[in-house]
Amino acid sequence: MATNTRPVTAMLSIRLDTGALAALDSFAVGRGGRSAIMRQMIEQMLKENVDRPLIEPSESTSCNRVSLRFTDAEIAVIEYRASQRSTNRSGWIKALVRRHLALKSRVDDGLLNELAPIRMQLLRIGRNLNQAMKAANLRMMDDGDKKIENDLRRIADMRIEISEQIAAVGDAMHGDVGYWKVAD
């Protein structure tokens, strides 16, 4: 009994400028088409560089692909949600799936980029409040001014509030889990 054995193949997809793709299509006419030309170019490049050292691919990179189809209305919602999170739709979908699978993953770089300066500014405000508190304490010690006591309490309350906000922004930077919770 004969068995059919297919060659092991993998798929490669690339993004090209529309002009470059049109030029490739024109070149590929009568030469086996796009795929044949691309295979020939890759095989030729590999033959020309056979003596060069190879670098092993990182094991942490993902190599599995899932293809999804969405309606126009679904894509519109995904685009809107992704824009709210300062990411693209594939990044938003990946983050959503990873959160649903309970895999540890940062939410997205867009949110991280927006939160980092806010956290830095809060830290600066906290430092300024600390300096104000030290200066007020020195003044109270030097002058014996008891009127400043209320101001010191307000500064202490502001320091506590700033510390809580810094912690909240830090938590958001490590993963805004509440946004990604989905119903089963």
N, C-alpha and C. Protein backbone atom coordinates (compact mmCIF):
# COMPACT_ATOMS: atom_id res chain seq x y z
N MET A 1 0.84 -1.17 0.00
CA MET A 1 0.00 0.00 0.00
C MET A 1 0.89 1.24 0.00
N ALA A 2 0.64 2.12 -0.90
CA ALA A 2 1.42 3.35 -1.02
C ALA A 2 0.80 4.44 -0.15
N THR A 3 1.66 5.23 0.43
CA THR A 3 1.16 6.37 1.22
C THR A 3 1.58 7.65 0.52
N ASN A 4 0.70 8.59 0.58
CA ASN A 4 1.03 9.90 0.02
C ASN A 4 1.80 10.70 1.06
N THR A 5 2.97 11.12 0.69
CA THR A 5 3.74 11.97 1.59
C THR A 5 3.89 13.34 0.93
N ARG A 6 3.48 14.32 1.63
CA ARG A 6 3.59 15.69 1.13
C ARG A 6 4.87 16.31 1.69
N PRO A 7 5.50 17.13 0.91
CA PRO A 7 6.68 17.82 1.46
C PRO A 7 6.25 18.75 2.59
N VAL A 8 7.10 18.87 3.58
CA VAL A 8 6.81 19.76 4.69
C VAL A 8 7.05 21.18 4.22
N THR A 9 6.03 21.99 4.31
CA THR A 9 6.16 23.39 3.88
C THR A 9 5.65 24.30 4.98
N ALA A 10 6.03 25.54 4.88
CA ALA A 10 5.55 26.57 5.79
C ALA A 10 5.14 27.76 4.95
N MET A 11 4.36 28.63 5.54
CA MET A 11 3.86 29.78 4.80
C MET A 11 4.57 31.04 5.27
N LEU A 12 4.86 31.93 4.33
CA LEU A 12 5.49 33.21 4.62
C LEU A 12 4.60 34.28 4.01
N SER A 13 4.28 35.29 4.77
CA SER A 13 3.52 36.40 4.20
C SER A 13 4.31 37.68 4.45
N ILE A 14 4.24 38.59 3.51
CA ILE A 14 4.96 39.86 3.64
C ILE A 14 4.04 41.00 3.25
N ARG A 15 4.36 42.16 3.72
CA ARG A 15 3.62 43.36 3.33
C ARG A 15 4.52 44.16 2.39
N LEU A 16 3.94 44.57 1.28
CA LEU A 16 4.67 45.37 0.30
C LEU A 16 3.89 46.62 -0.04
N ASP A 17 4.61 47.62 -0.42
CA ASP A 17 4.00 48.82 -0.96
C ASP A 17 3.21 48.41 -2.21
N THR A 18 2.07 49.03 -2.48
CA THR A 18 1.24 48.63 -3.62
C THR A 18 1.99 48.76 -4.94
N GLY A 19 2.85 49.76 -5.04
CA GLY A 19 3.64 49.91 -6.27
C GLY A 19 4.62 48.77 -6.46
N ALA A 20 5.29 48.38 -5.38
CA ALA A 20 6.24 47.26 -5.45
C ALA A 20 5.53 45.96 -5.77
N LEU A 21 4.34 45.77 -5.19
CA LEU A 21 3.58 44.56 -5.48
C LEU A 21 3.14 44.53 -6.93
N ALA A 22 2.73 45.66 -7.47
CA ALA A 22 2.34 45.72 -8.89
C ALA A 22 3.53 45.40 -9.79
N ALA A 23 4.71 45.91 -9.44
CA ALA A 23 5.91 45.62 -10.22
C ALA A 23 6.27 44.14 -10.13
N LEU A 24 6.14 43.55 -8.93
CA LEU A 24 6.41 42.12 -8.76
C LEU A 24 5.43 41.30 -9.60
N ASP A 25 4.15 41.67 -9.57
CA ASP A 25 3.15 40.95 -10.36
C ASP A 25 3.47 41.04 -11.85
N SER A 26 3.89 42.21 -12.32
CA SER A 26 4.25 42.37 -13.73
C SER A 26 5.44 41.49 -14.09
N PHE A 27 6.42 41.44 -13.19
CA PHE A 27 7.60 40.62 -13.42
C PHE A 27 7.26 39.13 -13.39
N ALA A 28 6.30 38.75 -12.54
CA ALA A 28 5.98 37.34 -12.32
C ALA A 28 5.11 36.75 -13.43
N VAL A 29 4.50 37.60 -14.25
CA VAL A 29 3.66 37.09 -15.33
C VAL A 29 4.52 36.25 -16.27
N GLY A 30 4.10 35.02 -16.51
CA GLY A 30 4.84 34.13 -17.39
C GLY A 30 6.01 33.44 -16.73
N ARG A 31 6.23 33.71 -15.47
CA ARG A 31 7.34 33.09 -14.74
C ARG A 31 6.86 32.24 -13.58
N GLY A 32 5.61 31.87 -13.57
CA GLY A 32 5.07 31.00 -12.52
C GLY A 32 4.28 31.74 -11.46
N GLY A 33 4.20 33.05 -11.54
CA GLY A 33 3.43 33.83 -10.57
C GLY A 33 4.26 34.31 -9.40
N ARG A 34 3.60 35.03 -8.55
CA ARG A 34 4.22 35.63 -7.37
C ARG A 34 4.97 34.63 -6.51
N SER A 35 4.27 33.56 -6.12
CA SER A 35 4.87 32.58 -5.20
C SER A 35 6.12 31.94 -5.78
N ALA A 36 6.04 31.59 -7.06
CA ALA A 36 7.20 30.94 -7.69
C ALA A 36 8.39 31.90 -7.72
N ILE A 37 8.15 33.15 -8.08
CA ILE A 37 9.24 34.14 -8.12
C ILE A 37 9.83 34.33 -6.72
N MET A 38 8.97 34.47 -5.71
CA MET A 38 9.47 34.66 -4.35
C MET A 38 10.27 33.46 -3.88
N ARG A 39 9.80 32.24 -4.18
CA ARG A 39 10.56 31.04 -3.81
C ARG A 39 11.93 31.04 -4.49
N GLN A 40 11.96 31.37 -5.78
CA GLN A 40 13.23 31.39 -6.52
C GLN A 40 14.18 32.43 -5.92
N MET A 41 13.66 33.60 -5.59
CA MET A 41 14.51 34.65 -5.02
C MET A 41 15.08 34.22 -3.67
N ILE A 42 14.26 33.60 -2.84
CA ILE A 42 14.72 33.16 -1.52
C ILE A 42 15.74 32.05 -1.66
N GLU A 43 15.47 31.07 -2.53
CA GLU A 43 16.41 29.97 -2.74
C GLU A 43 17.75 30.49 -3.27
N GLN A 44 17.71 31.45 -4.19
CA GLN A 44 18.95 32.02 -4.74
C GLN A 44 19.73 32.76 -3.65
N MET A 45 19.03 33.54 -2.82
CA MET A 45 19.68 34.26 -1.74
C MET A 45 20.32 33.29 -0.75
N LEU A 46 19.64 32.19 -0.44
CA LEU A 46 20.19 31.21 0.48
C LEU A 46 21.43 30.52 -0.10
N LYS A 47 21.41 30.21 -1.41
CA LYS A 47 22.58 29.61 -2.06
C LYS A 47 23.77 30.55 -2.03
N GLU A 48 23.51 31.84 -2.27
CA GLU A 48 24.59 32.83 -2.29
C GLU A 48 25.19 33.06 -0.91
N ASN A 49 24.45 32.78 0.13
CA ASN A 49 24.90 33.06 1.50
C ASN A 49 25.11 31.79 2.31
N VAL A 50 25.38 30.67 1.63
CA VAL A 50 25.50 29.38 2.32
C VAL A 50 26.66 29.37 3.31
N ASP A 51 27.72 30.14 3.08
CA ASP A 51 28.88 30.12 3.95
C ASP A 51 28.74 31.06 5.15
N ARG A 52 27.74 31.87 5.17
CA ARG A 52 27.56 32.81 6.28
C ARG A 52 27.01 32.07 7.51
N PRO A 53 27.42 32.52 8.70
CA PRO A 53 26.92 31.84 9.91
C PRO A 53 25.42 32.10 10.09
N LEU A 54 24.75 31.08 10.60
CA LEU A 54 23.32 31.20 10.85
C LEU A 54 23.08 31.55 12.31
N ILE A 55 22.08 32.35 12.55
CA ILE A 55 21.69 32.71 13.91
C ILE A 55 20.40 31.96 14.21
N GLU A 56 20.42 31.21 15.29
CA GLU A 56 19.24 30.44 15.65
C GLU A 56 18.11 31.38 16.07
N PRO A 57 16.89 31.09 15.62
CA PRO A 57 15.76 31.95 16.01
C PRO A 57 15.48 31.83 17.51
N SER A 58 15.04 32.91 18.08
CA SER A 58 14.72 32.94 19.51
C SER A 58 13.50 32.06 19.77
N GLU A 59 13.54 31.33 20.87
CA GLU A 59 12.41 30.47 21.20
C GLU A 59 11.23 31.26 21.75
N SER A 60 11.49 32.52 22.14
CA SER A 60 10.41 33.31 22.73
C SER A 60 9.52 33.95 21.68
N THR A 61 9.92 33.91 20.42
CA THR A 61 9.08 34.50 19.39
C THR A 61 7.96 33.54 19.02
N SER A 62 6.81 34.10 18.76
CA SER A 62 5.67 33.25 18.42
C SER A 62 5.73 32.89 16.94
N CYS A 63 5.32 31.68 16.63
CA CYS A 63 5.34 31.24 15.24
C CYS A 63 3.99 30.68 14.81
N ASN A 64 3.05 30.66 15.70
CA ASN A 64 1.73 30.15 15.36
C ASN A 64 0.84 31.29 14.92
N ARG A 65 0.03 31.04 13.92
CA ARG A 65 -0.82 32.08 13.37
C ARG A 65 -2.25 31.59 13.38
N VAL A 66 -3.14 32.49 13.71
CA VAL A 66 -4.57 32.22 13.67
C VAL A 66 -5.19 33.26 12.76
N SER A 67 -6.03 32.81 11.89
CA SER A 67 -6.71 33.73 10.98
C SER A 67 -8.16 33.87 11.41
N LEU A 68 -8.62 35.08 11.53
CA LEU A 68 -9.99 35.36 11.93
C LEU A 68 -10.66 36.22 10.88
N ARG A 69 -11.95 36.07 10.74
CA ARG A 69 -12.73 36.90 9.82
C ARG A 69 -13.79 37.62 10.63
N PHE A 70 -13.90 38.93 10.41
CA PHE A 70 -14.86 39.74 11.12
C PHE A 70 -15.74 40.49 10.13
N THR A 71 -16.94 40.81 10.57
CA THR A 71 -17.82 41.63 9.75
C THR A 71 -17.32 43.07 9.79
N ASP A 72 -17.84 43.90 8.91
CA ASP A 72 -17.44 45.30 8.89
C ASP A 72 -17.78 45.98 10.22
N ALA A 73 -18.92 45.64 10.79
CA ALA A 73 -19.32 46.24 12.06
C ALA A 73 -18.36 45.81 13.18
N GLU A 74 -17.96 44.53 13.19
CA GLU A 74 -17.04 44.05 14.21
C GLU A 74 -15.67 44.72 14.07
N ILE A 75 -15.20 44.86 12.84
CA ILE A 75 -13.92 45.53 12.60
C ILE A 75 -13.97 46.97 13.08
N ALA A 76 -15.10 47.64 12.83
CA ALA A 76 -15.25 49.03 13.27
C ALA A 76 -15.14 49.13 14.79
N VAL A 77 -15.77 48.20 15.49
CA VAL A 77 -15.70 48.21 16.96
C VAL A 77 -14.28 47.90 17.41
N ILE A 78 -13.64 46.92 16.79
CA ILE A 78 -12.26 46.56 17.15
C ILE A 78 -11.33 47.75 16.91
N GLU A 79 -11.47 48.40 15.77
CA GLU A 79 -10.64 49.58 15.47
C GLU A 79 -10.83 50.66 16.53
N TYR A 80 -12.10 50.89 16.90
CA TYR A 80 -12.40 51.92 17.89
C TYR A 80 -11.78 51.56 19.24
N ARG A 81 -11.97 50.31 19.67
CA ARG A 81 -11.42 49.87 20.95
C ARG A 81 -9.88 49.93 20.94
N ALA A 82 -9.30 49.54 19.82
CA ALA A 82 -7.83 49.58 19.72
C ALA A 82 -7.34 51.01 19.80
N SER A 83 -8.03 51.93 19.14
CA SER A 83 -7.60 53.33 19.17
C SER A 83 -7.72 53.90 20.58
N GLN A 84 -8.71 53.44 21.34
CA GLN A 84 -8.84 53.89 22.73
C GLN A 84 -7.65 53.46 23.56
N ARG A 85 -7.05 52.34 23.22
CA ARG A 85 -5.91 51.79 23.96
C ARG A 85 -4.59 52.17 23.31
N SER A 86 -4.63 53.03 22.27
CA SER A 86 -3.43 53.48 21.56
C SER A 86 -2.63 52.31 21.00
N THR A 87 -3.33 51.38 20.37
CA THR A 87 -2.67 50.24 19.75
C THR A 87 -3.37 49.94 18.43
N ASN A 88 -2.86 48.98 17.69
CA ASN A 88 -3.53 48.58 16.46
C ASN A 88 -4.47 47.42 16.75
N ARG A 89 -5.27 47.03 15.77
CA ARG A 89 -6.28 46.02 16.06
C ARG A 89 -5.68 44.65 16.36
N SER A 90 -4.59 44.28 15.70
CA SER A 90 -4.01 42.96 16.01
C SER A 90 -3.42 42.95 17.42
N GLY A 91 -2.80 44.05 17.83
CA GLY A 91 -2.28 44.13 19.20
C GLY A 91 -3.39 44.07 20.23
N TRP A 92 -4.52 44.72 19.92
CA TRP A 92 -5.66 44.72 20.84
C TRP A 92 -6.24 43.31 20.94
N ILE A 93 -6.38 42.62 19.81
CA ILE A 93 -6.93 41.27 19.81
C ILE A 93 -6.00 40.32 20.56
N LYS A 94 -4.67 40.42 20.34
CA LYS A 94 -3.72 39.56 21.04
C LYS A 94 -3.80 39.79 22.55
N ALA A 95 -3.86 41.05 22.96
CA ALA A 95 -3.94 41.34 24.40
C ALA A 95 -5.24 40.79 24.99
N LEU A 96 -6.33 40.91 24.25
CA LEU A 96 -7.62 40.41 24.73
C LEU A 96 -7.57 38.89 24.90
N VAL A 97 -7.04 38.20 23.91
CA VAL A 97 -6.96 36.73 23.98
C VAL A 97 -6.04 36.31 25.12
N ARG A 98 -4.89 36.96 25.25
CA ARG A 98 -3.96 36.59 26.32
C ARG A 98 -4.57 36.81 27.69
N ARG A 99 -5.31 37.89 27.84
CA ARG A 99 -5.96 38.14 29.13
C ARG A 99 -7.05 37.10 29.39
N HIS A 100 -7.78 36.73 28.36
CA HIS A 100 -8.83 35.73 28.52
C HIS A 100 -8.23 34.38 28.88
N LEU A 101 -7.07 34.08 28.33
CA LEU A 101 -6.39 32.82 28.64
C LEU A 101 -5.64 32.88 29.96
N ALA A 102 -5.65 34.05 30.58
CA ALA A 102 -4.96 34.29 31.86
C ALA A 102 -3.46 34.13 31.72
N LEU A 103 -2.92 34.50 30.57
CA LEU A 103 -1.48 34.51 30.38
C LEU A 103 -0.97 35.90 30.74
N LYS A 104 0.16 35.94 31.39
CA LYS A 104 0.71 37.22 31.79
C LYS A 104 1.19 37.95 30.54
N SER A 105 0.71 39.14 30.38
CA SER A 105 1.09 39.93 29.21
C SER A 105 0.81 41.38 29.51
N ARG A 106 1.71 42.24 29.08
CA ARG A 106 1.42 43.66 29.21
C ARG A 106 0.25 44.00 28.31
N VAL A 107 -0.53 44.94 28.72
CA VAL A 107 -1.73 45.26 27.96
C VAL A 107 -1.36 45.76 26.58
N ASP A 108 -0.63 46.82 26.49
CA ASP A 108 -0.15 47.31 25.21
C ASP A 108 0.85 48.42 25.45
N ASP A 109 1.72 48.61 24.46
CA ASP A 109 2.75 49.63 24.60
C ASP A 109 2.17 51.03 24.54
N GLY A 110 1.07 51.21 23.82
CA GLY A 110 0.46 52.53 23.72
C GLY A 110 0.02 53.04 25.07
N LEU A 111 -0.64 52.19 25.83
CA LEU A 111 -1.08 52.58 27.17
C LEU A 111 0.12 52.83 28.07
N LEU A 112 1.12 51.97 27.95
CA LEU A 112 2.33 52.13 28.74
C LEU A 112 3.00 53.46 28.44
N ASN A 113 3.08 53.83 27.16
CA ASN A 113 3.68 55.09 26.76
C ASN A 113 2.90 56.29 27.28
N GLU A 114 1.59 56.15 27.40
CA GLU A 114 0.78 57.25 27.92
C GLU A 114 0.89 57.36 29.44
N LEU A 115 1.01 56.23 30.13
CA LEU A 115 1.04 56.25 31.59
C LEU A 115 2.40 56.62 32.16
N ALA A 116 3.47 56.29 31.47
CA ALA A 116 4.82 56.54 32.01
C ALA A 116 5.05 58.02 32.32
N PRO A 117 4.72 58.95 31.42
CA PRO A 117 4.94 60.36 31.77
C PRO A 117 4.04 60.84 32.91
N ILE A 118 2.84 60.28 33.00
CA ILE A 118 1.93 60.65 34.09
C ILE A 118 2.54 60.22 35.43
N ARG A 119 3.06 59.02 35.46
CA ARG A 119 3.67 58.51 36.69
C ARG A 119 4.90 59.35 37.06
N MET A 120 5.71 59.71 36.06
CA MET A 120 6.89 60.54 36.33
C MET A 120 6.47 61.89 36.91
N GLN A 121 5.42 62.49 36.35
CA GLN A 121 4.95 63.78 36.85
C GLN A 121 4.44 63.66 38.28
N LEU A 122 3.71 62.59 38.58
CA LEU A 122 3.24 62.37 39.95
C LEU A 122 4.42 62.21 40.91
N LEU A 123 5.46 61.51 40.48
CA LEU A 123 6.65 61.36 41.32
C LEU A 123 7.29 62.71 41.59
N ARG A 124 7.35 63.57 40.56
CA ARG A 124 7.92 64.92 40.74
C ARG A 124 7.09 65.74 41.72
N ILE A 125 5.77 65.65 41.60
CA ILE A 125 4.89 66.37 42.53
C ILE A 125 5.12 65.87 43.95
N GLY A 126 5.24 64.56 44.10
CA GLY A 126 5.51 63.98 45.42
C GLY A 126 6.81 64.51 46.00
N ARG A 127 7.86 64.60 45.16
CA ARG A 127 9.14 65.14 45.64
C ARG A 127 8.99 66.60 46.07
N ASN A 128 8.25 67.37 45.26
CA ASN A 128 8.02 68.78 45.61
C ASN A 128 7.28 68.91 46.94
N LEU A 129 6.29 68.05 47.16
CA LEU A 129 5.56 68.07 48.43
C LEU A 129 6.49 67.71 49.59
N ASN A 130 7.38 66.76 49.38
CA ASN A 130 8.35 66.40 50.43
C ASN A 130 9.23 67.59 50.77
N GLN A 131 9.69 68.31 49.73
CA GLN A 131 10.53 69.48 49.97
C GLN A 131 9.76 70.57 50.71
N ALA A 132 8.49 70.76 50.32
CA ALA A 132 7.66 71.76 51.00
C ALA A 132 7.46 71.38 52.47
N MET A 133 7.25 70.11 52.71
CA MET A 133 7.05 69.62 54.07
C MET A 133 8.31 69.86 54.90
N LYS A 134 9.49 69.56 54.35
CA LYS A 134 10.74 69.78 55.08
C LYS A 134 10.95 71.26 55.38
N ALA A 135 10.68 72.10 54.38
CA ALA A 135 10.86 73.54 54.57
C ALA A 135 9.91 74.07 55.64
N ALA A 136 8.66 73.61 55.61
CA ALA A 136 7.68 74.06 56.60
C ALA A 136 8.07 73.57 58.00
N ASN A 137 8.55 72.36 58.10
CA ASN A 137 8.99 71.84 59.40
C ASN A 137 10.16 72.65 59.96
N LEU A 138 11.10 72.99 59.08
CA LEU A 138 12.24 73.81 59.52
C LEU A 138 11.77 75.17 60.00
N ARG A 139 10.84 75.76 59.27
CA ARG A 139 10.31 77.08 59.64
C ARG A 139 9.61 77.01 60.99
N MET A 140 8.84 75.94 61.19
CA MET A 140 8.12 75.80 62.44
C MET A 140 9.10 75.62 63.60
N MET A 141 10.17 74.87 63.35
CA MET A 141 11.16 74.66 64.40
C MET A 141 11.92 75.94 64.71
N ASP A 142 12.27 76.69 63.65
CA ASP A 142 13.04 77.93 63.85
C ASP A 142 12.20 79.02 64.51
N ASP A 143 10.99 79.23 63.99
CA ASP A 143 10.15 80.34 64.45
C ASP A 143 9.20 79.94 65.56
N GLY A 144 8.96 78.66 65.72
CA GLY A 144 7.97 78.22 66.68
C GLY A 144 6.57 78.58 66.24
N ASP A 145 6.38 78.72 64.91
CA ASP A 145 5.10 79.16 64.33
C ASP A 145 4.12 77.99 64.31
N LYS A 146 3.09 78.06 65.15
CA LYS A 146 2.09 77.00 65.22
C LYS A 146 1.03 77.16 64.13
N LYS A 147 0.95 78.33 63.48
CA LYS A 147 -0.06 78.55 62.44
C LYS A 147 0.18 77.63 61.24
N ILE A 148 1.38 77.22 61.08
CA ILE A 148 1.74 76.41 59.91
C ILE A 148 1.29 74.96 60.05
N GLU A 149 0.85 74.59 61.23
CA GLU A 149 0.46 73.21 61.49
C GLU A 149 -0.65 72.72 60.55
N ASN A 150 -1.64 73.53 60.27
CA ASN A 150 -2.72 73.17 59.34
C ASN A 150 -2.18 72.93 57.94
N ASP A 151 -1.25 73.80 57.53
CA ASP A 151 -0.64 73.63 56.21
C ASP A 151 0.14 72.32 56.13
N LEU A 152 0.81 71.98 57.21
CA LEU A 152 1.56 70.72 57.24
C LEU A 152 0.62 69.52 57.11
N ARG A 153 -0.53 69.58 57.76
CA ARG A 153 -1.51 68.49 57.65
C ARG A 153 -2.02 68.36 56.22
N ARG A 154 -2.30 69.51 55.58
CA ARG A 154 -2.77 69.47 54.18
C ARG A 154 -1.70 68.89 53.27
N ILE A 155 -0.45 69.28 53.49
CA ILE A 155 0.65 68.73 52.67
C ILE A 155 0.76 67.23 52.90
N ALA A 156 0.64 66.79 54.15
CA ALA A 156 0.71 65.35 54.45
C ALA A 156 -0.41 64.60 53.75
N ASP A 157 -1.62 65.17 53.77
CA ASP A 157 -2.75 64.54 53.07
C ASP A 157 -2.50 64.46 51.57
N MET A 158 -1.93 65.53 51.00
CA MET A 158 -1.62 65.52 49.56
C MET A 158 -0.56 64.47 49.25
N ARG A 159 0.41 64.32 50.12
CA ARG A 159 1.45 63.30 49.91
C ARG A 159 0.85 61.91 49.88
N ILE A 160 -0.10 61.66 50.79
CA ILE A 160 -0.76 60.35 50.82
C ILE A 160 -1.54 60.13 49.53
N GLU A 161 -2.28 61.15 49.10
CA GLU A 161 -3.07 61.04 47.86
C GLU A 161 -2.16 60.81 46.64
N ILE A 162 -1.07 61.54 46.56
CA ILE A 162 -0.11 61.37 45.45
C ILE A 162 0.46 59.96 45.47
N SER A 163 0.81 59.46 46.64
CA SER A 163 1.36 58.10 46.75
C SER A 163 0.35 57.07 46.26
N GLU A 164 -0.92 57.25 46.61
CA GLU A 164 -1.96 56.33 46.15
C GLU A 164 -2.10 56.39 44.63
N GLN A 165 -2.02 57.59 44.06
CA GLN A 165 -2.15 57.74 42.61
C GLN A 165 -0.95 57.14 41.89
N ILE A 166 0.23 57.30 42.44
CA ILE A 166 1.44 56.69 41.85
C ILE A 166 1.29 55.17 41.83
N ALA A 167 0.80 54.61 42.94
CA ALA A 167 0.59 53.16 43.00
C ALA A 167 -0.46 52.72 41.99
N ALA A 168 -1.54 53.49 41.84
CA ALA A 168 -2.60 53.14 40.89
C ALA A 168 -2.08 53.17 39.45
N VAL A 169 -1.31 54.19 39.11
CA VAL A 169 -0.74 54.27 37.76
C VAL A 169 0.25 53.13 37.54
N GLY A 170 1.04 52.81 38.55
CA GLY A 170 1.97 51.67 38.45
C GLY A 170 1.24 50.37 38.21
N ASP A 171 0.12 50.17 38.92
CA ASP A 171 -0.68 48.96 38.70
C ASP A 171 -1.21 48.93 37.27
N ALA A 172 -1.66 50.06 36.77
CA ALA A 172 -2.17 50.12 35.39
C ALA A 172 -1.07 49.82 34.40
N MET A 173 0.14 50.27 34.69
CA MET A 173 1.26 50.01 33.78
C MET A 173 1.62 48.53 33.75
N HIS A 174 1.35 47.82 34.83
CA HIS A 174 1.66 46.39 34.87
C HIS A 174 0.54 45.53 34.32
N GLY A 175 -0.52 46.12 33.91
CA GLY A 175 -1.60 45.35 33.29
C GLY A 175 -2.95 45.81 33.80
N ASP A 176 -3.69 46.42 32.93
CA ASP A 176 -5.01 46.92 33.29
C ASP A 176 -6.00 45.78 33.16
N VAL A 177 -6.02 44.91 34.15
CA VAL A 177 -6.80 43.68 34.08
C VAL A 177 -8.30 43.95 33.98
N GLY A 178 -8.79 44.96 34.65
CA GLY A 178 -10.23 45.23 34.64
C GLY A 178 -10.77 45.47 33.26
N TYR A 179 -10.01 46.11 32.41
CA TYR A 179 -10.47 46.39 31.05
C TYR A 179 -10.66 45.11 30.25
N TRP A 180 -9.80 44.11 30.52
CA TRP A 180 -9.78 42.92 29.69
C TRP A 180 -10.65 41.78 30.21
N LYS A 181 -11.32 41.97 31.33
CA LYS A 181 -12.17 40.89 31.84
C LYS A 181 -13.32 40.66 30.86
N VAL A 182 -13.54 39.39 30.54
CA VAL A 182 -14.61 39.04 29.61
C VAL A 182 -15.52 38.01 30.26
N ALA A 183 -16.76 38.02 29.85
CA ALA A 183 -17.71 37.04 30.37
C ALA A 183 -17.47 35.70 29.70
N ASP A 184 -17.61 34.64 30.45
CA ASP A 184 -17.45 33.30 29.85
C ASP A 184 -18.71 32.85 29.16
